[in-house]
């Protein structure tokens, strides 16, 4: 289920963002809109907060750096389920626990 959610998050919200960001007019309007800008700042803050929580939990795989990379590649709708999927896959294989 996590893999399905991550795929959905990568294709739908991230796909819409990538499509819209390729059009200079839409991107310029979004960045000049204070509400849209606040959502962008909130997403960056949540990314940093979740990365810090992952670091504090001591989870070494996939680690907080991987979460940042997943968040930059996609959206939070992609990175959270993808990270949880990677971590749970490692646990199912009997990998070391934090």
N, C-alpha and C. Protein backbone atom coordinates (compact mmCIF):
# COMPACT_ATOMS: atom_id res chain seq x y z
N UNK A 1 0.82 -1.19 0.00
CA UNK A 1 0.00 0.00 0.00
C UNK A 1 0.87 1.27 0.00
N UNK A 2 1.98 1.23 0.75
CA UNK A 2 2.88 2.38 0.77
C UNK A 2 3.48 2.66 -0.61
N UNK A 3 3.81 1.59 -1.34
CA UNK A 3 4.37 1.76 -2.67
C UNK A 3 3.34 2.38 -3.61
N UNK A 4 2.09 1.98 -3.46
CA UNK A 4 1.02 2.55 -4.28
C UNK A 4 0.83 4.03 -3.96
N UNK A 5 0.84 4.37 -2.66
CA UNK A 5 0.70 5.78 -2.26
C UNK A 5 1.88 6.62 -2.77
N UNK A 6 3.08 6.06 -2.69
CA UNK A 6 4.26 6.79 -3.17
C UNK A 6 4.18 7.01 -4.68
N UNK A 7 3.75 5.99 -5.41
CA UNK A 7 3.60 6.12 -6.86
C UNK A 7 2.56 7.18 -7.19
N UNK A 8 1.43 7.13 -6.51
CA UNK A 8 0.40 8.15 -6.71
C UNK A 8 0.96 9.54 -6.42
N UNK A 9 1.65 9.70 -5.29
CA UNK A 9 2.22 10.99 -4.93
C UNK A 9 3.22 11.50 -5.94
N UNK A 10 4.00 10.59 -6.53
CA UNK A 10 4.99 11.00 -7.51
C UNK A 10 4.35 11.40 -8.82
N UNK A 11 3.33 10.65 -9.24
CA UNK A 11 2.73 10.90 -10.55
C UNK A 11 1.70 12.02 -10.55
N UNK A 12 0.82 12.05 -9.55
CA UNK A 12 -0.29 13.00 -9.61
C UNK A 12 0.11 14.38 -9.08
N UNK A 13 0.32 14.58 -7.76
CA UNK A 13 0.66 15.94 -7.32
C UNK A 13 1.98 16.43 -7.91
N UNK A 14 2.97 15.57 -7.95
CA UNK A 14 4.27 15.97 -8.48
C UNK A 14 4.19 16.20 -9.99
N UNK A 15 3.43 15.36 -10.68
CA UNK A 15 3.26 15.53 -12.12
C UNK A 15 2.59 16.84 -12.46
N UNK A 16 1.57 17.20 -11.69
CA UNK A 16 0.89 18.48 -11.91
C UNK A 16 1.85 19.64 -11.65
N UNK A 17 2.64 19.54 -10.59
CA UNK A 17 3.61 20.59 -10.29
C UNK A 17 4.64 20.74 -11.40
N UNK A 18 5.18 19.62 -11.87
CA UNK A 18 6.20 19.67 -12.92
C UNK A 18 5.59 20.28 -14.19
N UNK A 19 4.38 19.87 -14.54
CA UNK A 19 3.72 20.42 -15.72
C UNK A 19 3.51 21.93 -15.57
N UNK A 20 3.02 22.35 -14.42
CA UNK A 20 2.76 23.77 -14.20
C UNK A 20 4.05 24.59 -14.14
N UNK A 21 5.10 24.01 -13.58
CA UNK A 21 6.35 24.77 -13.45
C UNK A 21 7.06 24.94 -14.78
N UNK A 22 6.69 24.15 -15.78
CA UNK A 22 7.27 24.33 -17.11
C UNK A 22 6.67 25.52 -17.84
N UNK A 23 5.57 26.03 -17.33
CA UNK A 23 4.93 27.20 -17.93
C UNK A 23 5.30 28.42 -17.09
N UNK A 24 6.12 29.28 -17.65
CA UNK A 24 6.69 30.40 -16.91
C UNK A 24 5.62 31.31 -16.30
N UNK A 25 4.52 31.52 -17.00
CA UNK A 25 3.47 32.41 -16.48
C UNK A 25 2.86 31.85 -15.20
N UNK A 26 2.54 30.58 -15.20
CA UNK A 26 1.91 29.96 -14.03
C UNK A 26 2.87 29.98 -12.85
N UNK A 27 4.12 29.65 -13.09
CA UNK A 27 5.12 29.64 -12.01
C UNK A 27 5.32 31.05 -11.43
N UNK A 28 5.40 32.04 -12.28
CA UNK A 28 5.58 33.42 -11.82
C UNK A 28 4.39 33.87 -10.97
N UNK A 29 3.18 33.55 -11.42
CA UNK A 29 1.99 33.92 -10.66
C UNK A 29 1.97 33.19 -9.31
N UNK A 30 2.32 31.90 -9.31
CA UNK A 30 2.31 31.14 -8.06
C UNK A 30 3.33 31.70 -7.06
N UNK A 31 4.51 32.06 -7.54
CA UNK A 31 5.53 32.58 -6.64
C UNK A 31 5.23 34.00 -6.16
N UNK A 32 4.41 34.72 -6.90
CA UNK A 32 4.03 36.06 -6.45
C UNK A 32 2.78 36.05 -5.57
N UNK A 33 2.14 34.90 -5.48
CA UNK A 33 0.95 34.77 -4.63
C UNK A 33 1.38 34.44 -3.20
N UNK A 34 1.03 35.28 -2.22
CA UNK A 34 1.49 35.02 -0.85
C UNK A 34 0.95 33.72 -0.26
N UNK A 35 -0.23 33.30 -0.66
CA UNK A 35 -0.78 32.04 -0.13
C UNK A 35 0.01 30.86 -0.69
N UNK A 36 0.27 30.87 -1.99
CA UNK A 36 1.06 29.79 -2.60
C UNK A 36 2.47 29.77 -2.02
N UNK A 37 3.04 30.95 -1.83
CA UNK A 37 4.38 31.03 -1.25
C UNK A 37 4.40 30.47 0.17
N UNK A 38 3.34 30.69 0.92
CA UNK A 38 3.26 30.16 2.28
C UNK A 38 3.20 28.64 2.27
N UNK A 39 2.47 28.06 1.30
CA UNK A 39 2.43 26.60 1.18
C UNK A 39 3.82 26.03 0.84
N UNK A 40 4.57 26.74 0.01
CA UNK A 40 5.92 26.30 -0.34
C UNK A 40 6.82 26.34 0.90
N UNK A 41 6.74 27.43 1.65
CA UNK A 41 7.54 27.55 2.88
C UNK A 41 7.14 26.48 3.89
N UNK A 42 5.84 26.22 4.00
CA UNK A 42 5.37 25.18 4.92
C UNK A 42 5.91 23.81 4.52
N UNK A 43 5.91 23.51 3.23
CA UNK A 43 6.44 22.22 2.76
C UNK A 43 7.93 22.09 3.08
N UNK A 44 8.68 23.16 2.90
CA UNK A 44 10.11 23.12 3.23
C UNK A 44 10.32 22.95 4.73
N UNK A 45 9.51 23.63 5.53
CA UNK A 45 9.60 23.48 6.99
C UNK A 45 9.28 22.05 7.41
N UNK A 46 8.21 21.47 6.85
CA UNK A 46 7.85 20.09 7.19
C UNK A 46 8.93 19.11 6.75
N UNK A 47 9.54 19.36 5.60
CA UNK A 47 10.62 18.50 5.15
C UNK A 47 11.77 18.52 6.16
N UNK A 48 12.14 19.71 6.61
CA UNK A 48 13.22 19.83 7.60
C UNK A 48 12.82 19.19 8.92
N UNK A 49 11.58 19.39 9.34
CA UNK A 49 11.11 18.80 10.60
C UNK A 49 11.13 17.28 10.55
N UNK A 50 10.60 16.70 9.47
CA UNK A 50 10.60 15.24 9.35
C UNK A 50 12.01 14.68 9.26
N UNK A 51 12.90 15.38 8.55
CA UNK A 51 14.30 14.93 8.48
C UNK A 51 14.94 14.95 9.86
N UNK A 52 14.65 15.98 10.63
CA UNK A 52 15.18 16.07 11.99
C UNK A 52 14.62 14.93 12.86
N UNK A 53 13.32 14.66 12.73
CA UNK A 53 12.72 13.56 13.50
C UNK A 53 13.32 12.21 13.13
N UNK A 54 13.58 12.01 11.85
CA UNK A 54 14.22 10.76 11.41
C UNK A 54 15.62 10.66 12.00
N UNK A 55 16.35 11.75 11.97
CA UNK A 55 17.71 11.78 12.54
C UNK A 55 17.67 11.48 14.04
N UNK A 56 16.73 12.11 14.75
CA UNK A 56 16.60 11.91 16.20
C UNK A 56 16.18 10.49 16.55
N UNK A 57 15.44 9.84 15.67
CA UNK A 57 14.99 8.47 15.95
C UNK A 57 16.13 7.48 15.83
N UNK A 58 17.21 7.90 15.19
CA UNK A 58 18.36 7.00 15.04
C UNK A 58 18.23 6.04 13.88
N UNK A 59 17.22 6.23 13.06
CA UNK A 59 17.02 5.34 11.91
C UNK A 59 18.12 5.58 10.89
N UNK A 60 18.95 4.57 10.68
CA UNK A 60 20.10 4.71 9.78
C UNK A 60 19.75 4.39 8.33
N UNK A 61 18.69 3.63 8.11
CA UNK A 61 18.31 3.29 6.74
C UNK A 61 16.85 3.57 6.54
N UNK A 62 16.47 4.30 5.56
CA UNK A 62 17.27 4.95 4.56
C UNK A 62 17.93 6.24 5.03
N UNK A 63 17.60 6.75 6.19
CA UNK A 63 18.28 7.92 6.75
C UNK A 63 17.63 9.23 6.36
N UNK A 64 18.00 10.27 7.09
CA UNK A 64 17.39 11.57 6.87
C UNK A 64 17.81 12.19 5.55
N UNK A 65 19.03 11.87 5.10
CA UNK A 65 19.49 12.41 3.83
C UNK A 65 18.63 11.87 2.68
N UNK A 66 18.28 10.59 2.75
CA UNK A 66 17.43 9.99 1.72
C UNK A 66 16.05 10.63 1.73
N UNK A 67 15.56 10.97 2.92
CA UNK A 67 14.26 11.63 2.99
C UNK A 67 14.30 12.99 2.30
N UNK A 68 15.38 13.74 2.51
CA UNK A 68 15.54 15.04 1.86
C UNK A 68 15.57 14.87 0.33
N UNK A 69 16.31 13.88 -0.14
CA UNK A 69 16.40 13.63 -1.58
C UNK A 69 15.04 13.26 -2.14
N UNK A 70 14.32 12.36 -1.45
CA UNK A 70 12.98 11.98 -1.90
C UNK A 70 12.05 13.18 -1.92
N UNK A 71 12.16 14.06 -0.94
CA UNK A 71 11.30 15.24 -0.88
C UNK A 71 11.60 16.22 -2.00
N UNK A 72 12.86 16.35 -2.37
CA UNK A 72 13.23 17.25 -3.45
C UNK A 72 12.82 16.66 -4.81
N UNK A 73 12.95 15.35 -4.96
CA UNK A 73 12.56 14.70 -6.20
C UNK A 73 11.05 14.72 -6.41
N UNK A 74 10.32 14.60 -5.33
CA UNK A 74 8.87 14.57 -5.43
C UNK A 74 8.26 15.54 -4.44
N UNK A 75 7.11 15.20 -3.97
CA UNK A 75 6.43 16.04 -2.99
C UNK A 75 6.40 15.29 -1.66
N UNK A 76 5.84 15.91 -0.66
CA UNK A 76 5.68 15.22 0.62
C UNK A 76 4.73 14.03 0.46
N UNK A 77 3.80 14.15 -0.48
CA UNK A 77 2.88 13.05 -0.77
C UNK A 77 3.63 11.85 -1.33
N UNK A 78 4.78 12.10 -1.93
CA UNK A 78 5.63 11.02 -2.42
C UNK A 78 6.65 10.58 -1.38
N UNK A 79 7.33 11.54 -0.76
CA UNK A 79 8.48 11.20 0.06
C UNK A 79 8.12 10.46 1.35
N UNK A 80 7.02 10.82 1.99
CA UNK A 80 6.66 10.15 3.25
C UNK A 80 6.34 8.68 3.01
N UNK A 81 5.41 8.32 2.09
CA UNK A 81 5.16 6.90 1.88
C UNK A 81 6.37 6.16 1.31
N UNK A 82 7.16 6.82 0.44
CA UNK A 82 8.33 6.16 -0.12
C UNK A 82 9.35 5.85 0.98
N UNK A 83 9.57 6.80 1.87
CA UNK A 83 10.51 6.58 2.97
C UNK A 83 10.01 5.45 3.88
N UNK A 84 8.73 5.49 4.23
CA UNK A 84 8.18 4.44 5.09
C UNK A 84 8.24 3.08 4.41
N UNK A 85 8.04 3.05 3.11
CA UNK A 85 8.13 1.79 2.37
C UNK A 85 9.56 1.25 2.41
N UNK A 86 10.54 2.11 2.15
CA UNK A 86 11.94 1.66 2.19
C UNK A 86 12.33 1.17 3.58
N UNK A 87 11.89 1.88 4.61
CA UNK A 87 12.22 1.48 5.98
C UNK A 87 11.52 0.17 6.34
N UNK A 88 10.27 0.00 5.93
CA UNK A 88 9.55 -1.23 6.28
C UNK A 88 10.09 -2.41 5.48
N UNK A 89 10.54 -2.16 4.26
CA UNK A 89 11.13 -3.24 3.46
C UNK A 89 12.39 -3.76 4.11
N UNK A 90 13.18 -2.87 4.65
CA UNK A 90 14.41 -3.26 5.36
C UNK A 90 14.06 -4.07 6.60
N UNK A 91 13.00 -3.66 7.33
CA UNK A 91 12.59 -4.37 8.54
C UNK A 91 12.07 -5.77 8.19
N UNK A 92 11.34 -5.90 7.08
CA UNK A 92 10.82 -7.21 6.67
C UNK A 92 11.94 -8.16 6.29
N UNK A 93 13.02 -7.62 5.74
CA UNK A 93 14.15 -8.47 5.35
C UNK A 93 15.01 -8.86 6.55
N UNK A 94 14.68 -8.32 7.72
CA UNK A 94 15.45 -8.66 8.91
C UNK A 94 16.69 -7.83 9.08
N UNK A 95 16.67 -6.63 8.51
CA UNK A 95 17.83 -5.75 8.62
C UNK A 95 17.96 -5.22 10.06
N UNK A 96 19.06 -4.57 10.33
CA UNK A 96 19.29 -4.04 11.68
C UNK A 96 18.26 -2.98 12.02
N UNK A 97 17.86 -2.99 13.26
CA UNK A 97 16.93 -1.98 13.74
C UNK A 97 17.70 -0.81 14.32
N UNK A 98 17.10 0.35 14.34
CA UNK A 98 17.82 1.52 14.86
C UNK A 98 18.17 1.39 16.31
